[in-house]
Protein backbone atom coordinates (compact mmCIF):
# COMPACT_ATOMS: atom_id res chain seq x y z
CA UNK A 1 -0.05 0.06 0.09
CA UNK A 2 1.67 3.72 -0.91
CA UNK A 3 -0.24 6.59 0.38
CA UNK A 4 0.39 10.35 -0.34
CA UNK A 5 -1.16 13.99 0.50
CA UNK A 6 -0.88 16.42 -2.32
CA UNK A 7 1.36 18.15 0.69
CA UNK A 8 3.56 15.61 1.75
CA UNK A 9 4.25 14.60 -2.07
CA UNK A 10 6.15 17.93 -2.44
CA UNK A 11 8.37 16.37 0.43
CA UNK A 12 9.42 13.01 -0.82
CA UNK A 13 6.48 11.04 -0.07
CA UNK A 14 5.90 10.38 -3.62
CA UNK A 15 4.23 7.12 -4.57
CA UNK A 16 6.61 5.74 -6.75
CA UNK A 17 9.23 6.53 -3.87
CA UNK A 18 7.02 3.95 -1.72
CA UNK A 19 6.18 1.67 -4.31
CA UNK A 20 9.50 0.88 -5.15
CA UNK A 21 10.61 0.17 -1.72
CA UNK A 22 7.95 -1.96 -1.10
CA UNK A 23 8.60 -4.09 -4.18
CA UNK A 24 12.21 -4.07 -3.08
CA UNK A 25 11.36 -5.37 0.04
CA UNK A 26 8.99 -8.18 -1.37
CA UNK A 27 11.76 -9.41 -3.61
CA UNK A 28 14.23 -9.64 -1.08
CA UNK A 29 12.14 -11.19 0.99
CA UNK A 30 10.37 -13.78 -1.27
CA UNK A 31 6.83 -12.35 -1.13
CA UNK A 32 4.14 -12.68 -3.58
CA UNK A 33 2.44 -9.76 -4.36
CA UNK A 34 -1.47 -10.53 -4.95
CA UNK A 35 -2.81 -6.59 -4.42
CA UNK A 36 -0.61 -3.31 -5.28
CA UNK A 37 -2.98 -0.26 -4.53
CA UNK A 38 -2.41 3.44 -4.43
CA UNK A 39 -4.02 6.48 -2.93
CA UNK A 40 -3.88 10.25 -2.74
CA UNK A 41 -6.17 10.47 0.62
CA UNK A 42 -5.35 11.81 4.06
CA UNK A 43 -5.10 9.19 6.68
CA UNK A 44 -7.05 10.58 9.12
CA UNK A 45 -9.66 7.95 8.94
CA UNK A 46 -10.37 4.86 6.89
CA UNK A 47 -12.84 6.59 4.88
CA UNK A 48 -10.64 6.10 1.43
CA UNK A 49 -11.54 4.81 -1.73
CA UNK A 50 -8.93 2.71 -2.34
CA UNK A 51 -8.53 1.17 0.91
CA UNK A 52 -12.10 0.22 0.78
CA UNK A 53 -11.76 -1.59 -2.87
CA UNK A 54 -8.49 -3.30 -0.88
CA UNK A 55 -11.08 -4.30 2.19
CA UNK A 56 -13.47 -5.44 -0.35
CA UNK A 57 -10.50 -7.93 -2.19
CA UNK A 58 -9.74 -9.27 1.28
CA UNK A 59 -13.10 -10.22 2.61
CA UNK A 60 -13.57 -12.22 -1.06
CA UNK A 61 -10.35 -13.69 -0.51
CA UNK A 62 -9.87 -14.42 3.24
CA UNK A 63 -7.03 -16.94 3.94
CA UNK A 64 -5.48 -16.11 0.72
CA UNK A 65 -3.61 -12.80 1.99
CA UNK A 66 -1.02 -12.99 5.02
CA UNK A 67 0.28 -9.34 4.75
CA UNK A 68 -0.37 -5.75 4.41
CA UNK A 69 2.90 -3.87 3.73
CA UNK A 70 3.58 0.05 3.93
CA UNK A 71 6.46 2.34 4.46
CA UNK A 72 5.70 3.76 7.50
CA UNK A 73 2.48 3.48 10.69
CA UNK A 74 2.05 7.18 9.26
CA UNK A 75 1.11 5.88 5.42
CA UNK A 76 -1.78 3.46 7.45
CA UNK A 77 -3.22 5.99 9.92
CA UNK A 78 -3.12 8.93 11.03
CA UNK A 79 -5.71 8.00 14.42
CA UNK A 80 -4.66 5.86 16.69
CA UNK A 81 -8.28 4.73 17.51
CA UNK A 82 -9.18 3.74 13.98
CA UNK A 83 -5.64 2.17 13.23
CA UNK A 84 -6.43 -0.20 16.55
CA UNK A 85 -10.03 -1.57 14.97
CA UNK A 86 -8.46 -1.80 11.87
CA UNK A 87 -5.61 -3.82 13.01
CA UNK A 88 -8.30 -6.07 14.28
CA UNK A 89 -10.83 -6.48 11.72
CA UNK A 90 -7.17 -7.38 9.45
CA UNK A 91 -6.50 -9.51 12.13
CA UNK A 92 -10.13 -11.46 11.40
CA UNK A 93 -9.28 -11.57 7.72
CA UNK A 94 -6.09 -13.11 8.73
CA UNK A 95 -4.08 -10.28 7.40
CA UNK A 96 -1.02 -8.57 9.69
CA UNK A 97 0.04 -5.11 8.87
CA UNK A 98 3.47 -4.58 8.48
CA UNK A 99 6.00 -1.13 8.24
CA UNK A 100 8.73 -2.26 6.73
CA UNK A 101 10.29 0.50 8.04
CA UNK A 102 8.92 0.46 11.23
CA UNK A 103 9.21 -3.28 11.73
CA UNK A 104 7.06 -5.20 14.52
CA UNK A 105 6.44 -8.53 15.86
CA UNK A 106 3.10 -7.81 17.05
CA UNK A 107 3.22 -11.46 18.86
CA UNK A 108 5.12 -9.92 21.09
CA UNK A 109 3.26 -8.35 24.25
CA UNK A 110 5.78 -5.55 25.37
CA UNK A 111 6.29 -4.55 21.58
CA UNK A 112 2.36 -3.12 21.70
CA UNK A 113 3.74 -0.06 23.36
CA UNK A 114 5.82 0.57 20.69
CA UNK A 115 3.27 -0.16 18.04
CA UNK A 116 1.38 2.74 20.30
CA UNK A 117 4.27 5.09 20.07
CA UNK A 118 4.38 4.70 16.11
CA UNK A 119 0.59 5.83 15.76
CA UNK A 120 0.41 8.09 18.31
CA UNK A 121 3.02 10.69 16.74
CA UNK A 122 1.23 11.02 13.28
CA UNK A 123 -2.38 11.85 15.12
CA UNK A 124 -0.46 13.97 17.57
CA UNK A 125 1.13 15.70 14.70
CA UNK A 126 -2.34 16.16 12.61
CA UNK A 127 -4.14 17.67 15.45
CA UNK A 128 -0.77 19.82 15.70
CA UNK A 129 -1.03 20.98 12.13
CA UNK A 130 -5.11 21.59 12.63
CA UNK A 131 -4.14 24.15 15.28
CA UNK A 132 -1.31 25.86 12.92
CA UNK A 133 -4.09 25.80 10.08
CA UNK A 134 -7.14 27.08 12.45
CA UNK A 135 -4.91 29.48 13.84
CA UNK A 136 -3.94 30.62 10.54
CA UNK A 137 -7.11 31.16 9.17
CA UNK A 138 -8.45 32.66 11.83
CA UNK A 139 -5.98 35.16 11.76
CA UNK A 140 -6.69 36.21 8.63
CA UNK A 141 -10.37 36.56 8.71
CA UNK A 142 -9.32 39.13 11.52
CA UNK A 143 -7.01 40.67 9.37
CA UNK A 144 -9.94 41.26 6.72
CA UNK A 145 -8.47 38.31 4.69
CA UNK A 146 -10.87 35.76 3.03
CA UNK A 147 -8.70 32.53 2.94
CA UNK A 148 -11.81 29.71 2.09
CA UNK A 149 -14.15 29.08 -0.62
CA UNK A 150 -14.77 32.22 -2.50
CA UNK A 151 -18.97 33.01 -2.06
CA UNK A 152 -20.96 33.47 -5.33
CA UNK A 153 -19.96 36.30 -7.25
CA UNK A 154 -16.48 36.12 -6.18
CA UNK A 155 -13.60 34.34 -6.76
CA UNK A 156 -10.28 33.28 -5.11
CA UNK A 157 -6.66 34.36 -6.45
CA UNK A 158 -3.41 35.41 -4.82
CA UNK A 159 -2.18 39.04 -4.28
CA UNK A 160 1.47 40.21 -4.80
CA UNK A 161 2.55 38.26 -1.50
CA UNK A 162 1.16 34.72 -2.88
CA UNK A 163 -1.44 35.21 0.05
CA UNK A 164 -5.16 34.06 -0.58
CA UNK A 165 -7.56 37.25 -1.70
CA UNK A 166 -10.83 36.95 -3.41
CA UNK A 167 -12.06 39.46 -6.22
CA UNK A 168 -15.34 39.92 -7.99
CA UNK A 169 -15.89 36.68 -10.26
CA UNK A 170 -17.79 36.77 -13.62
CA UNK A 171 -21.16 36.48 -11.66
CA UNK A 172 -20.45 39.33 -9.46
CA UNK A 173 -23.29 41.54 -11.65
CA UNK A 174 -25.66 38.60 -11.05
CA UNK A 175 -25.54 38.46 -7.13
CA UNK A 176 -25.85 42.04 -7.15
CA UNK A 177 -28.77 42.41 -9.78
CA UNK A 178 -30.30 39.25 -7.36
CA UNK A 179 -29.97 41.57 -4.23
CA UNK A 180 -32.03 44.13 -5.85
CA UNK A 181 -34.83 41.54 -6.89
CA UNK A 182 -35.21 40.09 -3.51
CA UNK A 183 -35.24 43.72 -1.83
CA UNK A 184 -38.47 44.56 -4.80
CA UNK A 185 -40.00 41.35 -2.94
CA UNK A 186 -39.42 38.86 -6.11
CA UNK A 187 -39.76 35.37 -5.07
CA UNK A 188 -36.05 33.83 -4.56
CA UNK A 189 -37.44 30.89 -7.20
CA UNK A 190 -37.75 33.14 -10.32
CA UNK A 191 -34.22 34.05 -9.25
CA UNK A 192 -32.93 31.04 -9.44
CA UNK A 193 -34.62 30.49 -12.79
CA UNK A 194 -33.25 33.70 -14.76
CA UNK A 195 -29.52 32.35 -12.58
CA UNK A 196 -30.32 28.99 -15.09
CA UNK A 197 -30.07 31.19 -17.90
CA UNK A 198 -27.27 32.98 -17.07
CA UNK A 199 -25.01 29.48 -16.48
CA UNK A 200 -24.85 29.83 -13.07
CA UNK A 201 -26.43 26.82 -10.97
CA UNK A 202 -27.70 27.54 -7.44
CA UNK A 203 -29.85 25.07 -4.87
CA UNK A 204 -32.77 27.71 -2.73
CA UNK A 205 -30.86 27.19 0.32
CA UNK A 206 -27.06 27.94 -1.20
CA UNK A 207 -28.90 31.66 -2.51
CA UNK A 208 -30.70 31.98 0.84
CA UNK A 209 -27.61 31.22 2.93
CA UNK A 210 -25.26 33.97 0.35
CA UNK A 211 -27.91 36.64 0.67
CA UNK A 212 -27.30 36.79 4.57
CA UNK A 213 -23.36 37.25 3.84
CA UNK A 214 -21.76 40.39 4.57
CA UNK A 215 -18.84 39.67 3.09
CA UNK A 216 -21.01 41.22 -0.24
CA UNK A 217 -20.62 44.78 1.50
CA UNK A 218 -16.65 44.14 2.30
CA UNK A 219 -17.42 42.88 5.43
CA UNK A 220 -15.58 39.43 7.24
CA UNK A 221 -17.29 37.61 9.79
CA UNK A 222 -14.82 35.98 12.68
CA UNK A 223 -16.75 33.31 14.61
CA UNK A 224 -16.45 33.21 18.46
CA UNK A 225 -13.70 31.16 20.09
CA UNK A 226 -12.58 30.28 23.10
CA UNK A 227 -13.38 33.82 25.25
CA UNK A 228 -13.19 35.74 22.01
CA UNK A 229 -16.42 37.02 20.92
CA UNK A 230 -17.96 36.63 17.28
CA UNK A 231 -17.08 39.71 15.48
CA UNK A 232 -17.59 41.60 11.95
CA UNK A 233 -14.31 43.60 10.64
CA UNK A 234 -13.75 45.16 7.65
CA UNK A 235 -12.44 43.11 4.50
CA UNK A 236 -9.30 43.69 2.24
CA UNK A 237 -11.92 42.86 -0.87
CA UNK A 238 -14.27 45.05 -3.24
CA UNK A 239 -17.81 44.93 -1.57
CA UNK A 240 -20.30 44.26 -4.84
CA UNK A 241 -23.26 45.45 -2.81
CA UNK A 242 -23.81 48.54 -1.19
CA UNK A 243 -24.77 48.88 2.85
CA UNK A 244 -28.28 50.26 2.05
CA UNK A 245 -29.43 47.31 -0.53
CA UNK A 246 -28.03 44.92 2.13
CA UNK A 247 -29.53 45.46 4.77
CA UNK A 248 -33.18 46.41 2.72
CA UNK A 249 -32.74 42.08 1.73
CA UNK A 250 -32.52 41.61 5.52
CA UNK A 251 -35.28 43.13 6.26
CA UNK A 252 -37.44 41.11 3.62
CA UNK A 253 -35.63 38.06 4.47
CA UNK A 254 -36.59 38.40 8.08
CA UNK A 255 -40.05 39.55 7.37
CA UNK A 256 -40.68 36.65 4.90
CA UNK A 257 -38.72 34.00 7.52
CA UNK A 258 -41.77 34.92 9.99
CA UNK A 259 -44.47 34.57 7.58
CA UNK A 260 -43.13 31.26 6.51
CA UNK A 261 -43.25 30.12 10.62
CA UNK A 262 -46.40 31.28 10.93
CA UNK A 263 -47.68 29.47 7.58
CA UNK A 264 -45.96 26.50 9.36
CA UNK A 265 -47.70 26.43 12.45
CA UNK A 266 -51.17 26.95 11.00
CA UNK A 267 -51.92 24.77 7.82
CA UNK A 268 -53.80 25.98 5.35
CA UNK A 269 -57.50 24.88 5.38
CA UNK A 270 -57.04 25.20 1.39
CA UNK A 271 -54.21 23.10 1.04
CA UNK A 272 -54.51 20.06 3.48
CA UNK A 273 -52.54 17.27 1.34
CA UNK A 274 -49.56 19.15 1.25
CA UNK A 275 -46.49 16.38 2.40
CA UNK A 276 -47.96 13.81 0.88
CA UNK A 277 -48.92 14.57 -2.28
CA UNK A 278 -46.62 14.15 -5.48
CA UNK A 279 -46.39 15.05 -9.06
CA UNK A 280 -47.41 12.20 -11.72
CA UNK A 281 -44.47 13.45 -13.76
CA UNK A 282 -41.64 13.76 -11.96
CA UNK A 283 -42.42 12.21 -8.87
CA UNK A 284 -41.22 15.25 -6.68
CA UNK A 285 -43.14 16.35 -3.69
CA UNK A 286 -45.57 18.81 -4.59
CA UNK A 287 -46.47 22.38 -2.57
CA UNK A 288 -49.32 24.94 -2.47
CA UNK A 289 -49.88 27.66 -2.18
CA UNK A 290 -52.53 30.67 -3.19
CA UNK A 291 -52.42 33.18 -5.86
CA UNK A 292 -54.95 36.02 -6.89
CA UNK A 293 -56.54 36.62 -10.64
CA UNK A 294 -57.18 39.83 -12.31
CA UNK A 295 -60.46 40.04 -9.67
CA UNK A 296 -58.56 39.92 -6.61
CA UNK A 297 -60.12 36.87 -5.81
CA UNK A 298 -57.59 34.48 -4.07
CA UNK A 299 -57.48 30.85 -5.26
CA UNK A 300 -55.51 28.09 -4.08
CA UNK A 301 -53.16 25.64 -5.97
CA UNK A 302 -51.43 22.47 -5.71
CA UNK A 303 -48.14 22.46 -7.83
CA UNK A 304 -45.06 20.92 -8.86
CA UNK A 305 -42.07 23.51 -8.32
CA UNK A 306 -39.63 21.01 -10.10
CA UNK A 307 -40.82 20.30 -13.41
CA UNK A 308 -43.40 22.75 -13.21
CA UNK A 309 -45.90 20.48 -15.48
CA UNK A 310 -48.23 20.58 -12.94
CA UNK A 311 -50.67 22.60 -11.16
CA UNK A 312 -54.37 22.14 -10.04
CA UNK A 313 -56.81 23.76 -8.56
CA UNK A 314 -57.00 22.72 -4.80
CA UNK A 315 -60.78 21.70 -4.78
CA UNK A 316 -59.79 19.80 -7.71
CA UNK A 317 -57.70 17.44 -5.13
CA UNK A 318 -59.36 17.32 -2.18
CA UNK A 319 -62.88 16.62 -3.40
CA UNK A 320 -61.19 13.48 -5.30
CA UNK A 321 -59.76 12.55 -1.70
CA UNK A 322 -63.40 12.85 -0.20
CA UNK A 323 -65.15 11.09 -2.89
CA UNK A 324 -62.80 8.21 -2.64
CA UNK A 325 -62.82 8.26 1.32
CA UNK A 326 -66.74 8.50 1.34
CA UNK A 327 -66.61 5.18 -0.92
CA UNK A 328 -65.54 3.16 1.73
CA UNK A 329 -68.61 1.02 3.27
CA UNK A 330 -68.83 -2.61 4.57
CA UNK A 331 -71.87 -4.30 3.91
CA UNK A 332 -73.33 -5.97 7.20
CA UNK A 333 -72.35 -9.57 5.77
CA UNK A 334 -68.38 -8.19 5.05
CA UNK A 335 -68.73 -6.42 8.71
CA UNK A 336 -70.29 -9.61 10.60
CA UNK A 337 -67.34 -12.24 9.01
CA UNK A 338 -64.76 -9.73 10.04
CA UNK A 339 -65.54 -9.36 13.53
CA UNK A 340 -66.38 -13.11 13.84
CA UNK A 341 -62.68 -13.62 12.14
CA UNK A 342 -60.88 -11.30 14.87
CA UNK A 343 -63.04 -12.63 17.85
CA UNK A 344 -61.94 -16.55 16.73
CA UNK A 345 -58.49 -15.59 16.43
CA UNK A 346 -58.72 -13.63 19.57
CA UNK A 347 -60.61 -16.28 22.09
CA UNK A 348 -60.22 -19.67 19.78
CA UNK A 349 -62.67 -22.50 20.38
CA UNK A 350 -63.45 -23.13 23.62
CA UNK A 351 -62.62 -26.95 24.47
CA UNK A 352 -59.45 -26.01 22.21
CA UNK A 353 -58.66 -23.43 24.64
CA UNK A 354 -59.17 -25.57 27.40
CA UNK A 355 -56.84 -28.35 26.21
CA UNK A 356 -54.10 -26.34 25.07
CA UNK A 357 -53.76 -25.23 28.91
CA UNK A 358 -54.06 -28.44 30.54
CA UNK A 359 -51.07 -29.39 28.71
CA UNK A 360 -49.55 -26.57 29.35
CA UNK A 361 -49.80 -26.66 32.93
CA UNK A 362 -48.46 -30.38 32.66
CA UNK A 363 -45.30 -28.46 31.15
CA UNK A 364 -44.90 -26.29 34.10
CA UNK A 365 -45.36 -29.51 36.38
CA UNK A 366 -42.47 -31.57 34.35
CA UNK A 367 -39.62 -28.63 34.81
CA UNK A 368 -41.11 -27.72 38.49
CA UNK A 369 -39.95 -31.85 39.37
CA UNK A 370 -37.47 -31.60 36.78
CA UNK A 371 -35.54 -28.96 39.08
CA UNK A 372 -36.38 -30.42 42.17
CA UNK A 373 -34.49 -33.69 41.30
CA UNK A 374 -31.30 -31.63 39.83
CA UNK A 375 -31.40 -29.96 43.78
CA UNK A 376 -31.07 -33.51 45.03
CA UNK A 377 -28.48 -34.52 42.66
CA UNK A 378 -26.93 -31.56 43.02
CA UNK A 379 -26.56 -31.98 46.92
CA UNK A 380 -26.20 -35.84 46.10
CA UNK A 381 -23.04 -35.28 44.25
CA UNK A 382 -24.27 -36.65 41.40
CA UNK A 383 -23.74 -33.87 39.05
CA UNK A 384 -21.62 -31.15 38.88
CA UNK A 385 -22.57 -27.36 40.05
CA UNK A 386 -21.72 -26.28 36.34
CA UNK A 387 -24.21 -28.81 34.56
CA UNK A 388 -26.76 -28.00 37.57
CA UNK A 389 -26.66 -24.38 36.82
CA UNK A 390 -27.08 -24.87 32.62
CA UNK A 391 -29.78 -27.30 33.60
CA UNK A 392 -31.75 -25.32 35.90
CA UNK A 393 -31.36 -22.55 33.48
CA UNK A 394 -32.93 -24.65 30.95
CA UNK A 395 -35.58 -25.97 32.13
CA UNK A 396 -36.88 -22.28 33.89
CA UNK A 397 -36.78 -20.78 30.70
CA UNK A 398 -39.48 -23.93 29.59
CA UNK A 399 -41.64 -23.49 32.57
CA UNK A 400 -41.38 -19.39 31.98
CA UNK A 401 -42.79 -20.22 28.68
CA UNK A 402 -45.43 -22.26 29.43
CA UNK A 403 -46.80 -19.85 32.07
CA UNK A 404 -46.77 -16.86 29.76
CA UNK A 405 -49.13 -19.16 27.23
CA UNK A 406 -51.38 -19.96 30.14
CA UNK A 407 -51.86 -16.55 31.22
CA UNK A 408 -52.44 -15.13 27.12
CA UNK A 409 -55.38 -18.13 26.92
CA UNK A 410 -57.26 -17.03 30.11
CA UNK A 411 -56.89 -13.21 30.12
CA UNK A 412 -60.13 -11.56 28.60
CA UNK A 413 -60.49 -9.93 25.28
CA UNK A 414 -63.63 -8.28 25.30
CA UNK A 415 -62.40 -5.28 25.54
CA UNK A 416 -60.69 -5.67 21.94
CA UNK A 417 -64.05 -6.89 20.80
CA UNK A 418 -65.45 -3.74 21.75
CA UNK A 419 -62.11 -1.99 19.73
CA UNK A 420 -62.99 -3.60 17.20
CA UNK A 421 -66.39 -2.54 17.02
CA UNK A 422 -65.56 0.84 17.27
CA UNK A 423 -62.80 0.58 14.56
CA UNK A 424 -65.65 -0.85 11.88
CA UNK A 425 -67.96 2.20 12.70
CA UNK A 426 -64.85 5.08 12.25
CA UNK A 427 -64.11 3.09 9.05
CA UNK A 428 -67.67 3.66 7.94
CA UNK A 429 -67.75 7.72 8.95
CA UNK A 430 -64.32 7.66 7.64
CA UNK A 431 -65.05 10.12 5.10
CA UNK A 432 -67.64 12.06 7.41
CA UNK A 433 -64.90 12.36 9.96
CA UNK A 434 -62.11 13.72 6.98
CA UNK A 435 -64.66 16.50 6.18
CA UNK A 436 -65.17 18.30 9.23
CA UNK A 437 -61.57 17.81 10.22
CA UNK A 438 -59.10 20.87 10.01
CA UNK A 439 -56.00 20.46 8.25
CA UNK A 440 -54.10 18.79 10.79
CA UNK A 441 -55.92 16.07 11.57
CA UNK A 442 -56.70 15.62 7.68
CA UNK A 443 -53.11 15.06 7.18
CA UNK A 444 -53.43 12.50 10.48
CA UNK A 445 -56.28 10.41 9.05
CA UNK A 446 -54.60 10.36 4.99
CA UNK A 447 -51.15 9.37 6.41
CA UNK A 448 -52.92 6.76 8.89
CA UNK A 449 -54.86 4.86 5.20
CA UNK A 450 -51.94 5.45 2.74
CA UNK A 451 -48.20 4.88 4.83
CA UNK A 452 -47.01 5.87 0.92
CA UNK A 453 -47.45 9.36 -0.38
CA UNK A 454 -50.37 9.55 -3.48
CA UNK A 455 -49.90 11.00 -6.92
CA UNK A 456 -52.42 12.45 -8.61
CA UNK A 457 -52.73 13.17 -12.40
CA UNK A 458 -55.61 15.51 -12.81
CA UNK A 459 -58.64 12.63 -12.29
CA UNK A 460 -57.32 9.64 -10.23
CA UNK A 461 -55.12 9.18 -7.15
CA UNK A 462 -52.71 6.65 -7.21
CA UNK A 463 -50.52 5.24 -4.06
CA UNK A 464 -48.24 2.36 -3.58
CA UNK A 465 -50.44 0.29 -1.00
CA UNK A 466 -53.34 1.39 1.72
CA UNK A 467 -52.95 0.61 5.34
CA UNK A 468 -53.43 -3.29 5.69
CA UNK A 469 -56.24 -3.64 8.13
CA UNK A 470 -57.85 -1.63 6.23
CA UNK A 471 -56.69 -3.33 3.19
CA UNK A 472 -58.13 -6.43 4.83
CA UNK A 473 -61.79 -5.11 5.61
CA UNK A 474 -62.28 -4.29 2.10
CA UNK A 475 -60.64 -7.42 0.40
CA UNK A 476 -63.52 -9.39 2.63
CA UNK A 477 -66.22 -7.16 0.69
CA UNK A 478 -66.86 -8.88 -2.79
CA UNK A 479 -66.93 -5.98 -4.57
CA UNK A 480 -63.39 -5.34 -3.70
CA UNK A 481 -62.05 -8.50 -3.59
CA UNK A 482 -62.97 -9.51 -7.64
CA UNK A 483 -61.36 -6.31 -8.73
CA UNK A 484 -57.86 -8.11 -9.58
CA UNK A 485 -56.28 -4.81 -10.95
CA UNK A 486 -56.03 -2.97 -7.55
CA UNK A 487 -58.67 -0.25 -8.52
CA UNK A 488 -60.52 0.55 -5.20
CA UNK A 489 -62.66 3.31 -6.92
CA UNK A 490 -62.65 4.93 -10.02
CA UNK A 491 -60.82 7.56 -8.64
CA UNK A 492 -57.93 5.28 -6.57
CA UNK A 493 -55.56 3.31 -8.19
CA UNK A 494 -53.57 1.12 -5.59
CA UNK A 495 -50.22 -0.32 -7.79
CA UNK A 496 -49.63 -3.10 -5.52
CA UNK A 497 -52.45 -3.97 -3.89
CA UNK A 498 -53.07 -8.20 -3.88
CA UNK A 499 -56.37 -8.74 -2.61
CA UNK A 500 -57.49 -12.37 -1.84
CA UNK A 501 -60.22 -13.61 -3.25
CA UNK A 502 -61.49 -14.64 -0.61
CA UNK A 503 -60.94 -15.61 3.73
CA UNK A 504 -61.83 -18.46 5.02
CA UNK A 505 -63.17 -18.99 8.57
CA UNK A 506 -61.90 -21.61 11.27
CA UNK A 507 -63.60 -24.31 11.12
CA UNK A 508 -66.29 -25.42 13.33
CA UNK A 509 -65.08 -28.17 16.21
């Protein structure tokens, strides 16, 4: 195994040097090379692509690899805890890690101390380097110098002293325009569409974050650390937005944030399906909003913000769901069949139940007798204490299992039967309950019926499956069970519903 990071390569740890040393070591010691890999990732952990491929190879060829060779232990890992865990994993594959320049015989216990030293030194070096880098970056921020990835509208450069600096990029004018549009309360979705036309692809969250960065008015944020508080200093870069425009944008964003919070806490009564409705064209989540026509009347719509190919009046979708729920009915025969089925499953036949209880009581008595005999055998020296404990534990488990089954068979299920009756009444009144419920409870009711989200194409609703208990109730009804294509209603299709053709009750004894 050969590994470098970009900065190490400049110090002479090049891949070719390591690979050459490893191959010569194998030749001198008559070691066959079955897998050779190199990587240029940091050794702070083992989440490295090349090393993952090696582990997959080692797992497939368990027992066929004896060694994994590297030049020194810092090539293997720079994290002592991760290193110990990986060494243990490699041992389970029958592989011994070995550093040719820092050889250790791990079969000698005292050598584990030396291994700890070899592993901890690189980790300390990494930690010290990280502290220096963070300190350097913080000092640069305090000096007004941006030394990270440049935000949208800027690009990373170097000054005459080769120090990092940012300067306006070709997208600077676009970001200035974006601030101006937000100040006029133009939706960010429209700004993003214009950005795409200009060849600038940003996500909604990235744009929202950028609009709050004071870097665009020539300021640099210095985060709090230790006893030093958060601060904002003057940057050495050129601003691309005026302070006045930036403050106007912050006021708009803060107002929009409060408005969004209020909308989230009080769901729109006209848009109860937000969160469970999917676009039938692209499969993305559909959202909902209100718009005003030329006469000032506001209408609610469900629409897709991804493909922009679907937009439906909320009444059309809401009415379709109401029609589906109102159509769910059980005829008297189906209801009686379902009740009888559940009652028998809960209670069972009386005679059969009595026989089961008697059989289990025999098991309880038998195990009690065996435990008493064990105690006598232990006292007489017939068996050892270890054998006594093993057999006693086994007999006690059998006894407890039987006692638990007896308790379950004897318990009263009248309360469950009553709950069943209430549940059947609730199914029949599902449509009525949905109509009078508020938006929050409508969503809860729909989520209980439809475990997966719902697609609407303007005419029909589609979903993957419906609640299993409800599906069982409906499958008993001949009208539903005879329909083989999973269509429960003219406005609802269930793509994976497989309804049984009939349900057979327990035979009478």
